[in-house]
């Protein structure tokens, strides 16, 4: 089958690399987001998908807004005899004229068990809500957000130590295996699919800047889940000595107190640092980044700031 691939970040490039190894597939071109400024130099850097595509000699198309540039995109694509588009974390919504243009339509790899968690942040939201299991769905793209018919689904377990990076890696691996199985043999017809039960649909939105701010009045498990959801990027934030700190990794403990003072810090030993949550339970700090500093361990943070039991996060 002749396909085109739409994707942008590292995990999307991982899927593309596997598709390029499938004998029954011919990847004709790649569509990815424009190069973006990165690092201290703010120089424009190509996406991981673009870097891989160029290394393999594939044509690459980039659009600031494929919705506004749909006529140009359709003209670009018309020189190829593409039978299907495959999308994974492209980062922009495809207009109907584009996703309907291939002979067999456009399929998307989505990081949840649809119709649950339709939207832009299914991986982070599953962690935030404390899910023990999520999954991956291969679906046809339709005009409604993640409402297309489902071709295949697979479950993915969520472990207590998972954050958004590790969960995305697992979802990518499971989704890649499922997609490769679909493309294992040559096809001359579309994939069989079933409609979603929209009465059971739930939704998630993009992570907003205000979502990063921790409410220390919440129970420890809820705070822990938010930190996991926001790690490694963009990170959950609170304040310490009137400056911002980013919490990247914490751990639930058995420590608790009847006297509740959310944010209260407690030294356990030379390496252990806890802070109290709204239900009296404590979370252990594993990885933290003070304002204008590099990310560090709890022991380095305690030593560098001479933390005492009088200190607290706010």
C-alpha atoms as a PDB file:
ATOM      1  CA  UNK A   1       0.000   0.000   0.000  1.00  0.00           C
ATOM      2  CA  UNK A   2       1.171   3.507  -0.801  1.00  0.00           C
ATOM      3  CA  UNK A   3       0.882   5.772   2.235  1.00  0.00           C
ATOM      4  CA  UNK A   4       1.839   9.230   3.471  1.00  0.00           C
ATOM      5  CA  UNK A   5       2.815   9.849   7.083  1.00  0.00           C
ATOM      6  CA  UNK A   6       1.778  12.849   9.218  1.00  0.00           C
ATOM      7  CA  UNK A   7       3.664  13.319  12.503  1.00  0.00           C
ATOM      8  CA  UNK A   8       6.060  15.560  14.410  1.00  0.00           C
ATOM      9  CA  UNK A   9       7.643  14.498  17.776  1.00  0.00           C
ATOM     10  CA  UNK A  10      10.104  11.778  18.714  1.00  0.00           C
ATOM     11  CA  UNK A  11       7.537   9.055  19.382  1.00  0.00           C
ATOM     12  CA  UNK A  12       5.985   9.782  15.992  1.00  0.00           C
ATOM     13  CA  UNK A  13       9.391   9.361  14.346  1.00  0.00           C
ATOM     14  CA  UNK A  14       9.715   6.014  16.134  1.00  0.00           C
ATOM     15  CA  UNK A  15       6.535   4.801  14.454  1.00  0.00           C
ATOM     16  CA  UNK A  16       7.639   6.113  11.060  1.00  0.00           C
ATOM     17  CA  UNK A  17      10.929   4.240  11.316  1.00  0.00           C
ATOM     18  CA  UNK A  18       9.034   0.974  11.831  1.00  0.00           C
ATOM     19  CA  UNK A  19       6.634   1.639   8.958  1.00  0.00           C
ATOM     20  CA  UNK A  20       9.601   2.180   6.654  1.00  0.00           C
ATOM     21  CA  UNK A  21      10.673  -1.401   7.383  1.00  0.00           C
ATOM     22  CA  UNK A  22       7.378  -2.986   6.271  1.00  0.00           C
ATOM     23  CA  UNK A  23       7.753  -4.653   2.838  1.00  0.00           C
ATOM     24  CA  UNK A  24       4.075  -4.163   1.938  1.00  0.00           C
ATOM     25  CA  UNK A  25       4.247  -0.386   2.510  1.00  0.00           C
ATOM     26  CA  UNK A  26       5.625   2.426   0.383  1.00  0.00           C
ATOM     27  CA  UNK A  27       5.894   5.715   2.298  1.00  0.00           C
ATOM     28  CA  UNK A  28       5.617   8.304  -0.470  1.00  0.00           C
ATOM     29  CA  UNK A  29       5.995  11.517   1.531  1.00  0.00           C
ATOM     30  CA  UNK A  30       5.901  12.972   5.032  1.00  0.00           C
ATOM     31  CA  UNK A  31       4.022  15.947   6.490  1.00  0.00           C
ATOM     32  CA  UNK A  32       5.310  17.513   9.717  1.00  0.00           C
ATOM     33  CA  UNK A  33       5.088  20.802  11.590  1.00  0.00           C
ATOM     34  CA  UNK A  34       7.427  23.674  10.612  1.00  0.00           C
ATOM     35  CA  UNK A  35      10.891  23.963  12.150  1.00  0.00           C
ATOM     36  CA  UNK A  36      10.679  25.670  15.561  1.00  0.00           C
ATOM     37  CA  UNK A  37      13.167  27.681  17.670  1.00  0.00           C
ATOM     38  CA  UNK A  38      14.933  25.582  20.288  1.00  0.00           C
ATOM     39  CA  UNK A  39      17.690  25.994  22.853  1.00  0.00           C
ATOM     40  CA  UNK A  40      19.446  29.130  23.980  1.00  0.00           C
ATOM     41  CA  UNK A  41      20.318  30.151  20.440  1.00  0.00           C
ATOM     42  CA  UNK A  42      16.630  29.995  19.461  1.00  0.00           C
ATOM     43  CA  UNK A  43      17.693  28.604  16.105  1.00  0.00           C
ATOM     44  CA  UNK A  44      15.002  26.820  14.089  1.00  0.00           C
ATOM     45  CA  UNK A  45      15.264  23.068  14.548  1.00  0.00           C
ATOM     46  CA  UNK A  46      13.532  20.429  12.390  1.00  0.00           C
ATOM     47  CA  UNK A  47      11.160  17.966  14.022  1.00  0.00           C
ATOM     48  CA  UNK A  48      12.371  14.399  14.688  1.00  0.00           C
ATOM     49  CA  UNK A  49      10.022  13.199  11.935  1.00  0.00           C
ATOM     50  CA  UNK A  50      11.550  15.615   9.424  1.00  0.00           C
ATOM     51  CA  UNK A  51      15.081  14.587  10.370  1.00  0.00           C
ATOM     52  CA  UNK A  52      14.230  10.916   9.855  1.00  0.00           C
ATOM     53  CA  UNK A  53      12.413  11.561   6.577  1.00  0.00           C
ATOM     54  CA  UNK A  54      15.338  13.550   5.145  1.00  0.00           C
ATOM     55  CA  UNK A  55      17.782  10.829   6.189  1.00  0.00           C
ATOM     56  CA  UNK A  56      15.660   8.334   4.216  1.00  0.00           C
ATOM     57  CA  UNK A  57      15.329  10.580   1.175  1.00  0.00           C
ATOM     58  CA  UNK A  58      11.585  11.139   1.563  1.00  0.00           C
ATOM     59  CA  UNK A  59       9.816  14.296   0.351  1.00  0.00           C
ATOM     60  CA  UNK A  60       8.785  16.507   3.297  1.00  0.00           C
ATOM     61  CA  UNK A  61       5.950  19.049   3.388  1.00  0.00           C
ATOM     62  CA  UNK A  62       5.431  21.625   6.147  1.00  0.00           C
ATOM     63  CA  UNK A  63       2.581  24.095   6.641  1.00  0.00           C
ATOM     64  CA  UNK A  64       2.094  26.792   9.246  1.00  0.00           C
ATOM     65  CA  UNK A  65      -1.625  26.018   9.058  1.00  0.00           C
ATOM     66  CA  UNK A  66      -2.717  23.121   6.886  1.00  0.00           C
ATOM     67  CA  UNK A  67      -6.298  24.330   7.299  1.00  0.00           C
ATOM     68  CA  UNK A  68      -5.496  27.705   5.742  1.00  0.00           C
ATOM     69  CA  UNK A  69      -3.135  26.146   3.201  1.00  0.00           C
ATOM     70  CA  UNK A  70      -5.315  23.165   2.258  1.00  0.00           C
ATOM     71  CA  UNK A  71      -5.401  24.041  -1.443  1.00  0.00           C
ATOM     72  CA  UNK A  72      -1.607  24.159  -1.587  1.00  0.00           C
ATOM     73  CA  UNK A  73      -1.400  20.902   0.397  1.00  0.00           C
ATOM     74  CA  UNK A  74      -3.822  19.129  -1.937  1.00  0.00           C
ATOM     75  CA  UNK A  75      -1.806  20.353  -4.922  1.00  0.00           C
ATOM     76  CA  UNK A  76       1.423  19.103  -3.289  1.00  0.00           C
ATOM     77  CA  UNK A  77      -0.120  15.704  -2.603  1.00  0.00           C
ATOM     78  CA  UNK A  78      -1.735  15.334  -6.030  1.00  0.00           C
ATOM     79  CA  UNK A  79       1.570  14.364  -7.660  1.00  0.00           C
ATOM     80  CA  UNK A  80       1.554  11.135  -5.621  1.00  0.00           C
ATOM     81  CA  UNK A  81      -0.751   8.121  -5.953  1.00  0.00           C
ATOM     82  CA  UNK A  82      -1.239   7.793  -2.195  1.00  0.00           C
ATOM     83  CA  UNK A  83      -3.858   5.285  -1.046  1.00  0.00           C
ATOM     84  CA  UNK A  84      -3.936   6.132   2.666  1.00  0.00           C
ATOM     85  CA  UNK A  85      -2.693   8.767   5.112  1.00  0.00           C
ATOM     86  CA  UNK A  86      -1.368   7.622   8.509  1.00  0.00           C
ATOM     87  CA  UNK A  87      -1.371  10.179  11.349  1.00  0.00           C
ATOM     88  CA  UNK A  88       0.324  10.030  14.744  1.00  0.00           C
ATOM     89  CA  UNK A  89       0.865  13.197  16.796  1.00  0.00           C
ATOM     90  CA  UNK A  90       1.006  15.513  13.799  1.00  0.00           C
ATOM     91  CA  UNK A  91      -0.009  18.467  15.967  1.00  0.00           C
ATOM     92  CA  UNK A  92      -2.573  20.098  13.665  1.00  0.00           C
ATOM     93  CA  UNK A  93      -6.150  19.223  12.725  1.00  0.00           C
ATOM     94  CA  UNK A  94      -6.552  18.040   9.131  1.00  0.00           C
ATOM     95  CA  UNK A  95      -9.343  19.648   7.084  1.00  0.00           C
ATOM     96  CA  UNK A  96     -11.923  17.268   5.618  1.00  0.00           C
ATOM     97  CA  UNK A  97     -10.712  17.919   2.065  1.00  0.00           C
ATOM     98  CA  UNK A  98      -7.290  16.587   3.059  1.00  0.00           C
ATOM     99  CA  UNK A  99      -8.173  13.541   5.155  1.00  0.00           C
ATOM    100  CA  UNK A 100     -10.759  12.389   2.615  1.00  0.00           C
ATOM    101  CA  UNK A 101      -8.416  12.722  -0.359  1.00  0.00           C
ATOM    102  CA  UNK A 102      -6.667   9.311  -0.262  1.00  0.00           C
ATOM    103  CA  UNK A 103      -8.384   6.301  -1.824  1.00  0.00           C
ATOM    104  CA  UNK A 104      -8.768   4.490   1.519  1.00  0.00           C
ATOM    105  CA  UNK A 105      -9.071   7.534   3.761  1.00  0.00           C
ATOM    106  CA  UNK A 106      -6.926   8.585   6.717  1.00  0.00           C
ATOM    107  CA  UNK A 107      -6.232   6.633   9.891  1.00  0.00           C
ATOM    108  CA  UNK A 108      -4.989   7.995  13.213  1.00  0.00           C
ATOM    109  CA  UNK A 109      -3.201   6.463  16.194  1.00  0.00           C
ATOM    110  CA  UNK A 110      -4.791   7.874  19.374  1.00  0.00           C
ATOM    111  CA  UNK A 111      -3.466   7.378  22.915  1.00  0.00           C
ATOM    112  CA  UNK A 112      -6.612   6.186  24.693  1.00  0.00           C
ATOM    113  CA  UNK A 113      -9.375   3.607  24.470  1.00  0.00           C
ATOM    114  CA  UNK A 114     -11.900   5.616  22.495  1.00  0.00           C
ATOM    115  CA  UNK A 115     -14.499   6.987  22.998  1.00  0.00           C
ATOM    116  CA  UNK A 116     -12.833   7.723  26.365  1.00  0.00           C
ATOM    117  CA  UNK A 117     -10.490  10.733  26.381  1.00  0.00           C
ATOM    118  CA  UNK A 118     -11.161  12.228  23.007  1.00  0.00           C
ATOM    119  CA  UNK A 119      -8.994  15.305  22.586  1.00  0.00           C
ATOM    120  CA  UNK A 120      -5.497  16.721  22.777  1.00  0.00           C
ATOM    121  CA  UNK A 121      -4.015  15.266  25.988  1.00  0.00           C
ATOM    122  CA  UNK A 122      -5.189  11.664  26.504  1.00  0.00           C
ATOM    123  CA  UNK A 123      -1.894  10.442  27.955  1.00  0.00           C
ATOM    124  CA  UNK A 124      -1.524  13.240  30.515  1.00  0.00           C
ATOM    125  CA  UNK A 125      -5.214  13.140  31.410  1.00  0.00           C
ATOM    126  CA  UNK A 126      -5.181   9.392  32.068  1.00  0.00           C
ATOM    127  CA  UNK A 127      -2.396   9.945  34.613  1.00  0.00           C
ATOM    128  CA  UNK A 128      -4.038  13.064  36.056  1.00  0.00           C
ATOM    129  CA  UNK A 129      -7.294  11.167  36.655  1.00  0.00           C
ATOM    130  CA  UNK A 130      -5.507   8.258  38.278  1.00  0.00           C
ATOM    131  CA  UNK A 131      -6.288   5.626  35.642  1.00  0.00           C
ATOM    132  CA  UNK A 132      -4.783   2.201  36.204  1.00  0.00           C
ATOM    133  CA  UNK A 133      -5.303   1.231  32.558  1.00  0.00           C
ATOM    134  CA  UNK A 134      -5.471   3.164  29.310  1.00  0.00           C
ATOM    135  CA  UNK A 135      -4.785   2.097  25.755  1.00  0.00           C
ATOM    136  CA  UNK A 136      -4.398   2.924  22.104  1.00  0.00           C
ATOM    137  CA  UNK A 137      -6.966   3.208  19.329  1.00  0.00           C
ATOM    138  CA  UNK A 138      -6.452   3.008  15.572  1.00  0.00           C
ATOM    139  CA  UNK A 139      -9.323   4.915  13.998  1.00  0.00           C
ATOM    140  CA  UNK A 140     -10.433   6.570  10.820  1.00  0.00           C
ATOM    141  CA  UNK A 141     -10.306  10.358  10.993  1.00  0.00           C
ATOM    142  CA  UNK A 142     -13.685  12.048  10.672  1.00  0.00           C
ATOM    143  CA  UNK A 143     -14.888  15.635  10.972  1.00  0.00           C
ATOM    144  CA  UNK A 144     -15.588  15.319  14.708  1.00  0.00           C
ATOM    145  CA  UNK A 145     -12.639  15.331  17.143  1.00  0.00           C
ATOM    146  CA  UNK A 146     -11.558  11.670  17.527  1.00  0.00           C
ATOM    147  CA  UNK A 147     -15.066  10.501  16.598  1.00  0.00           C
ATOM    148  CA  UNK A 148     -14.092   8.268  13.673  1.00  0.00           C
ATOM    149  CA  UNK A 149     -14.817   4.547  13.423  1.00  0.00           C
ATOM    150  CA  UNK A 150     -12.412   2.278  15.315  1.00  0.00           C
ATOM    151  CA  UNK A 151     -10.281  -0.260  13.458  1.00  0.00           C
ATOM    152  CA  UNK A 152      -8.425  -1.739  16.418  1.00  0.00           C
ATOM    153  CA  UNK A 153      -7.830  -1.076  20.134  1.00  0.00           C
ATOM    154  CA  UNK A 154      -5.319  -2.417  22.664  1.00  0.00           C
ATOM    155  CA  UNK A 155      -4.990  -1.892  26.411  1.00  0.00           C
ATOM    156  CA  UNK A 156      -1.910  -0.423  28.100  1.00  0.00           C
ATOM    157  CA  UNK A 157      -1.378  -0.814  31.880  1.00  0.00           C
ATOM    158  CA  UNK A 158      -0.381   2.247  33.917  1.00  0.00           C
ATOM    159  CA  UNK A 159       2.134   1.617  36.719  1.00  0.00           C
ATOM    160  CA  UNK A 160       2.518   3.834  39.817  1.00  0.00           C
ATOM    161  CA  UNK A 161       5.938   5.011  38.619  1.00  0.00           C
ATOM    162  CA  UNK A 162       4.763   5.984  35.129  1.00  0.00           C
ATOM    163  CA  UNK A 163       4.871   9.615  34.026  1.00  0.00           C
ATOM    164  CA  UNK A 164       3.728  11.043  30.689  1.00  0.00           C
ATOM    165  CA  UNK A 165       7.027  10.141  28.989  1.00  0.00           C
ATOM    166  CA  UNK A 166       7.089   6.495  30.049  1.00  0.00           C
ATOM    167  CA  UNK A 167       3.378   6.050  29.363  1.00  0.00           C
ATOM    168  CA  UNK A 168       3.721   7.608  25.909  1.00  0.00           C
ATOM    169  CA  UNK A 169       6.577   5.231  25.181  1.00  0.00           C
ATOM    170  CA  UNK A 170       4.402   2.241  26.114  1.00  0.00           C
ATOM    171  CA  UNK A 171       1.476   3.558  24.069  1.00  0.00           C
ATOM    172  CA  UNK A 172       3.782   4.094  21.088  1.00  0.00           C
ATOM    173  CA  UNK A 173       5.146   0.540  21.333  1.00  0.00           C
ATOM    174  CA  UNK A 174       1.694  -1.049  21.633  1.00  0.00           C
ATOM    175  CA  UNK A 175       0.236   1.176  18.921  1.00  0.00           C
ATOM    176  CA  UNK A 176       3.138   0.472  16.578  1.00  0.00           C
ATOM    177  CA  UNK A 177       2.698  -3.293  16.988  1.00  0.00           C
ATOM    178  CA  UNK A 178      -1.030  -3.017  16.306  1.00  0.00           C
ATOM    179  CA  UNK A 179      -0.498  -0.855  13.229  1.00  0.00           C
ATOM    180  CA  UNK A 180       2.224  -3.109  11.829  1.00  0.00           C
ATOM    181  CA  UNK A 181      -0.109  -6.072  12.197  1.00  0.00           C
ATOM    182  CA  UNK A 182      -2.730  -4.253  10.130  1.00  0.00           C
ATOM    183  CA  UNK A 183      -0.199  -3.581   7.388  1.00  0.00           C
ATOM    184  CA  UNK A 184       1.347  -7.053   7.527  1.00  0.00           C
ATOM    185  CA  UNK A 185      -0.143  -8.009   4.152  1.00  0.00           C
ATOM    186  CA  UNK A 186      -1.000  -6.154   0.957  1.00  0.00           C
ATOM    187  CA  UNK A 187      -4.521  -4.708   0.892  1.00  0.00           C
ATOM    188  CA  UNK A 188      -6.869  -3.636  -1.874  1.00  0.00           C
ATOM    189  CA  UNK A 189      -9.760  -2.572   0.397  1.00  0.00           C
ATOM    190  CA  UNK A 190     -10.175  -0.282   3.435  1.00  0.00           C
ATOM    191  CA  UNK A 191      -9.855  -1.726   6.956  1.00  0.00           C
ATOM    192  CA  UNK A 192     -13.011  -2.975   8.659  1.00  0.00           C
ATOM    193  CA  UNK A 193     -14.097  -0.607  11.446  1.00  0.00           C
ATOM    194  CA  UNK A 194     -16.916  -0.149  13.951  1.00  0.00           C
ATOM    195  CA  UNK A 195     -18.626   3.103  15.016  1.00  0.00           C
ATOM    196  CA  UNK A 196     -17.900   4.541  18.455  1.00  0.00           C
ATOM    197  CA  UNK A 197     -20.536   4.672  21.168  1.00  0.00           C
ATOM    198  CA  UNK A 198     -20.659   8.445  21.555  1.00  0.00           C
ATOM    199  CA  UNK A 199     -22.930   8.225  24.609  1.00  0.00           C
ATOM    200  CA  UNK A 200     -19.860   6.999  26.527  1.00  0.00           C
ATOM    201  CA  UNK A 201     -17.503   9.685  25.241  1.00  0.00           C
ATOM    202  CA  UNK A 202     -15.280  11.682  27.599  1.00  0.00           C
ATOM    203  CA  UNK A 203     -13.004  14.553  26.621  1.00  0.00           C
ATOM    204  CA  UNK A 204      -9.660  16.144  27.450  1.00  0.00           C
ATOM    205  CA  UNK A 205      -8.139  19.469  26.460  1.00  0.00           C
ATOM    206  CA  UNK A 206      -4.664  20.865  25.878  1.00  0.00           C
ATOM    207  CA  UNK A 207      -2.566  21.396  28.999  1.00  0.00           C
ATOM    208  CA  UNK A 208      -2.867  25.082  29.948  1.00  0.00           C
ATOM    209  CA  UNK A 209      -0.267  27.149  31.847  1.00  0.00           C
ATOM    210  CA  UNK A 210      -2.581  27.379  34.863  1.00  0.00           C
ATOM    211  CA  UNK A 211      -2.836  23.574  34.991  1.00  0.00           C
ATOM    212  CA  UNK A 212       0.795  23.470  36.078  1.00  0.00           C
ATOM    213  CA  UNK A 213       0.124  25.219  39.411  1.00  0.00           C
ATOM    214  CA  UNK A 214      -0.271  22.687  42.226  1.00  0.00           C
ATOM    215  CA  UNK A 215      -3.123  23.038  44.707  1.00  0.00           C
ATOM    216  CA  UNK A 216      -1.440  21.767  47.877  1.00  0.00           C
ATOM    217  CA  UNK A 217      -4.829  21.585  49.619  1.00  0.00           C
ATOM    218  CA  UNK A 218      -5.640  18.501  47.537  1.00  0.00           C
ATOM    219  CA  UNK A 219      -5.073  14.927  48.791  1.00  0.00           C
ATOM    220  CA  UNK A 220      -1.596  13.487  48.278  1.00  0.00           C
ATOM    221  CA  UNK A 221      -2.650  11.006  45.607  1.00  0.00           C
ATOM    222  CA  UNK A 222      -4.270  13.713  43.481  1.00  0.00           C
ATOM    223  CA  UNK A 223      -1.161  15.893  43.704  1.00  0.00           C
ATOM    224  CA  UNK A 224       1.029  12.922  42.873  1.00  0.00           C
ATOM    225  CA  UNK A 225      -1.077  12.148  39.797  1.00  0.00           C
ATOM    226  CA  UNK A 226      -0.828  15.725  38.536  1.00  0.00           C
ATOM    227  CA  UNK A 227       2.959  15.750  38.963  1.00  0.00           C
ATOM    228  CA  UNK A 228       3.188  12.474  37.012  1.00  0.00           C
ATOM    229  CA  UNK A 229       0.943  13.856  34.265  1.00  0.00           C
ATOM    230  CA  UNK A 230       3.072  17.000  33.856  1.00  0.00           C
ATOM    231  CA  UNK A 231       6.452  15.243  33.950  1.00  0.00           C
ATOM    232  CA  UNK A 232       8.868  15.524  32.232  1.00  0.00           C
ATOM    233  CA  UNK A 233       7.263  18.461  30.395  1.00  0.00           C
ATOM    234  CA  UNK A 234       6.149  21.087  31.244  1.00  0.00           C
ATOM    235  CA  UNK A 235       6.444  20.253  34.972  1.00  0.00           C
ATOM    236  CA  UNK A 236       4.215  21.015  37.967  1.00  0.00           C
ATOM    237  CA  UNK A 237       4.992  24.184  39.885  1.00  0.00           C
ATOM    238  CA  UNK A 238       4.630  25.674  43.362  1.00  0.00           C
ATOM    239  CA  UNK A 239       6.555  28.337  45.281  1.00  0.00           C
ATOM    240  CA  UNK A 240       9.391  28.146  47.795  1.00  0.00           C
ATOM    241  CA  UNK A 241      10.797  31.201  49.567  1.00  0.00           C
ATOM    242  CA  UNK A 242       8.898  33.471  47.169  1.00  0.00           C
ATOM    243  CA  UNK A 243      10.366  31.797  44.072  1.00  0.00           C
ATOM    244  CA  UNK A 244       9.063  29.172  41.710  1.00  0.00           C
ATOM    245  CA  UNK A 245      10.081  25.516  41.943  1.00  0.00           C
ATOM    246  CA  UNK A 246       9.201  22.761  39.482  1.00  0.00           C
ATOM    247  CA  UNK A 247       8.441  19.291  40.835  1.00  0.00           C
ATOM    248  CA  UNK A 248       9.227  16.578  38.299  1.00  0.00           C
ATOM    249  CA  UNK A 249       9.062  13.442  40.380  1.00  0.00           C
ATOM    250  CA  UNK A 250       7.582  12.598  43.768  1.00  0.00           C
ATOM    251  CA  UNK A 251       6.548   9.426  45.580  1.00  0.00           C
ATOM    252  CA  UNK A 252       3.642   8.568  47.847  1.00  0.00           C
ATOM    253  CA  UNK A 253       4.697   7.661  51.395  1.00  0.00           C
ATOM    254  CA  UNK A 254       3.036   6.186  54.455  1.00  0.00           C
ATOM    255  CA  UNK A 255       3.923   9.299  56.439  1.00  0.00           C
ATOM    256  CA  UNK A 256       0.954  11.342  57.679  1.00  0.00           C
ATOM    257  CA  UNK A 257       0.061  13.809  60.420  1.00  0.00           C
ATOM    258  CA  UNK A 258      -3.118  14.773  62.244  1.00  0.00           C
ATOM    259  CA  UNK A 259      -1.895  18.369  62.200  1.00  0.00           C
ATOM    260  CA  UNK A 260      -2.461  19.462  58.627  1.00  0.00           C
ATOM    261  CA  UNK A 261      -0.344  22.215  57.112  1.00  0.00           C
ATOM    262  CA  UNK A 262      -0.317  21.774  53.312  1.00  0.00           C
ATOM    263  CA  UNK A 263       3.132  22.363  51.840  1.00  0.00           C
ATOM    264  CA  UNK A 264       4.939  21.841  55.148  1.00  0.00           C
ATOM    265  CA  UNK A 265       8.431  20.419  54.552  1.00  0.00           C
ATOM    266  CA  UNK A 266       9.869  17.623  56.650  1.00  0.00           C
ATOM    267  CA  UNK A 267      13.430  16.317  56.552  1.00  0.00           C
ATOM    268  CA  UNK A 268      13.681  12.550  56.994  1.00  0.00           C
ATOM    269  CA  UNK A 269      17.450  12.141  56.834  1.00  0.00           C
ATOM    270  CA  UNK A 270      20.356  13.556  54.856  1.00  0.00           C
ATOM    271  CA  UNK A 271      18.670  12.593  51.572  1.00  0.00           C
ATOM    272  CA  UNK A 272      14.936  12.416  52.216  1.00  0.00           C
ATOM    273  CA  UNK A 273      12.598  15.401  51.908  1.00  0.00           C
ATOM    274  CA  UNK A 274       8.820  15.261  52.322  1.00  0.00           C
ATOM    275  CA  UNK A 275       6.030  17.795  51.957  1.00  0.00           C
ATOM    276  CA  UNK A 276       2.551  17.582  53.402  1.00  0.00           C
ATOM    277  CA  UNK A 277      -0.652  17.576  51.338  1.00  0.00           C
ATOM    278  CA  UNK A 278      -4.226  18.544  52.133  1.00  0.00           C
ATOM    279  CA  UNK A 279      -5.199  15.158  53.574  1.00  0.00           C
ATOM    280  CA  UNK A 280      -2.266  15.100  55.999  1.00  0.00           C
ATOM    281  CA  UNK A 281      -0.242  12.618  53.950  1.00  0.00           C
ATOM    282  CA  UNK A 282       3.271  13.392  52.727  1.00  0.00           C
ATOM    283  CA  UNK A 283       4.874  13.108  49.318  1.00  0.00           C
ATOM    284  CA  UNK A 284       8.601  12.477  49.002  1.00  0.00           C
ATOM    285  CA  UNK A 285      10.489  14.790  46.661  1.00  0.00           C
ATOM    286  CA  UNK A 286      12.671  12.887  44.179  1.00  0.00           C
ATOM    287  CA  UNK A 287      13.451  15.466  41.465  1.00  0.00           C
ATOM    288  CA  UNK A 288      13.066  19.247  41.704  1.00  0.00           C
ATOM    289  CA  UNK A 289      14.178  22.378  39.855  1.00  0.00           C
ATOM    290  CA  UNK A 290      14.440  25.692  41.738  1.00  0.00           C
ATOM    291  CA  UNK A 291      13.967  28.893  39.771  1.00  0.00           C
ATOM    292  CA  UNK A 292      17.010  29.734  37.575  1.00  0.00           C
ATOM    293  CA  UNK A 293      18.706  26.451  38.544  1.00  0.00           C
ATOM    294  CA  UNK A 294      19.173  23.055  36.942  1.00  0.00           C
ATOM    295  CA  UNK A 295      17.067  20.067  37.884  1.00  0.00           C
ATOM    296  CA  UNK A 296      18.421  18.347  41.003  1.00  0.00           C
ATOM    297  CA  UNK A 297      17.815  15.610  43.567  1.00  0.00           C
ATOM    298  CA  UNK A 298      16.126  16.239  46.891  1.00  0.00           C
ATOM    299  CA  UNK A 299      19.444  15.848  48.749  1.00  0.00           C
ATOM    300  CA  UNK A 300      21.128  18.474  46.549  1.00  0.00           C
ATOM    301  CA  UNK A 301      18.147  20.780  47.079  1.00  0.00           C
ATOM    302  CA  UNK A 302      18.318  20.345  50.863  1.00  0.00           C
ATOM    303  CA  UNK A 303      22.048  20.946  50.951  1.00  0.00           C
ATOM    304  CA  UNK A 304      21.989  23.923  48.606  1.00  0.00           C
ATOM    305  CA  UNK A 305      19.112  25.703  50.353  1.00  0.00           C
ATOM    306  CA  UNK A 306      19.717  24.459  53.912  1.00  0.00           C
ATOM    307  CA  UNK A 307      16.153  23.250  54.232  1.00  0.00           C
ATOM    308  CA  UNK A 308      14.686  23.151  57.727  1.00  0.00           C
ATOM    309  CA  UNK A 309      11.381  21.888  59.129  1.00  0.00           C
ATOM    310  CA  UNK A 310      10.246  25.517  59.238  1.00  0.00           C
ATOM    311  CA  UNK A 311      10.218  25.743  55.439  1.00  0.00           C
ATOM    312  CA  UNK A 312       7.269  24.962  53.206  1.00  0.00           C
ATOM    313  CA  UNK A 313       6.028  24.922  49.626  1.00  0.00           C
ATOM    314  CA  UNK A 314       3.224  27.303  48.775  1.00  0.00           C
END
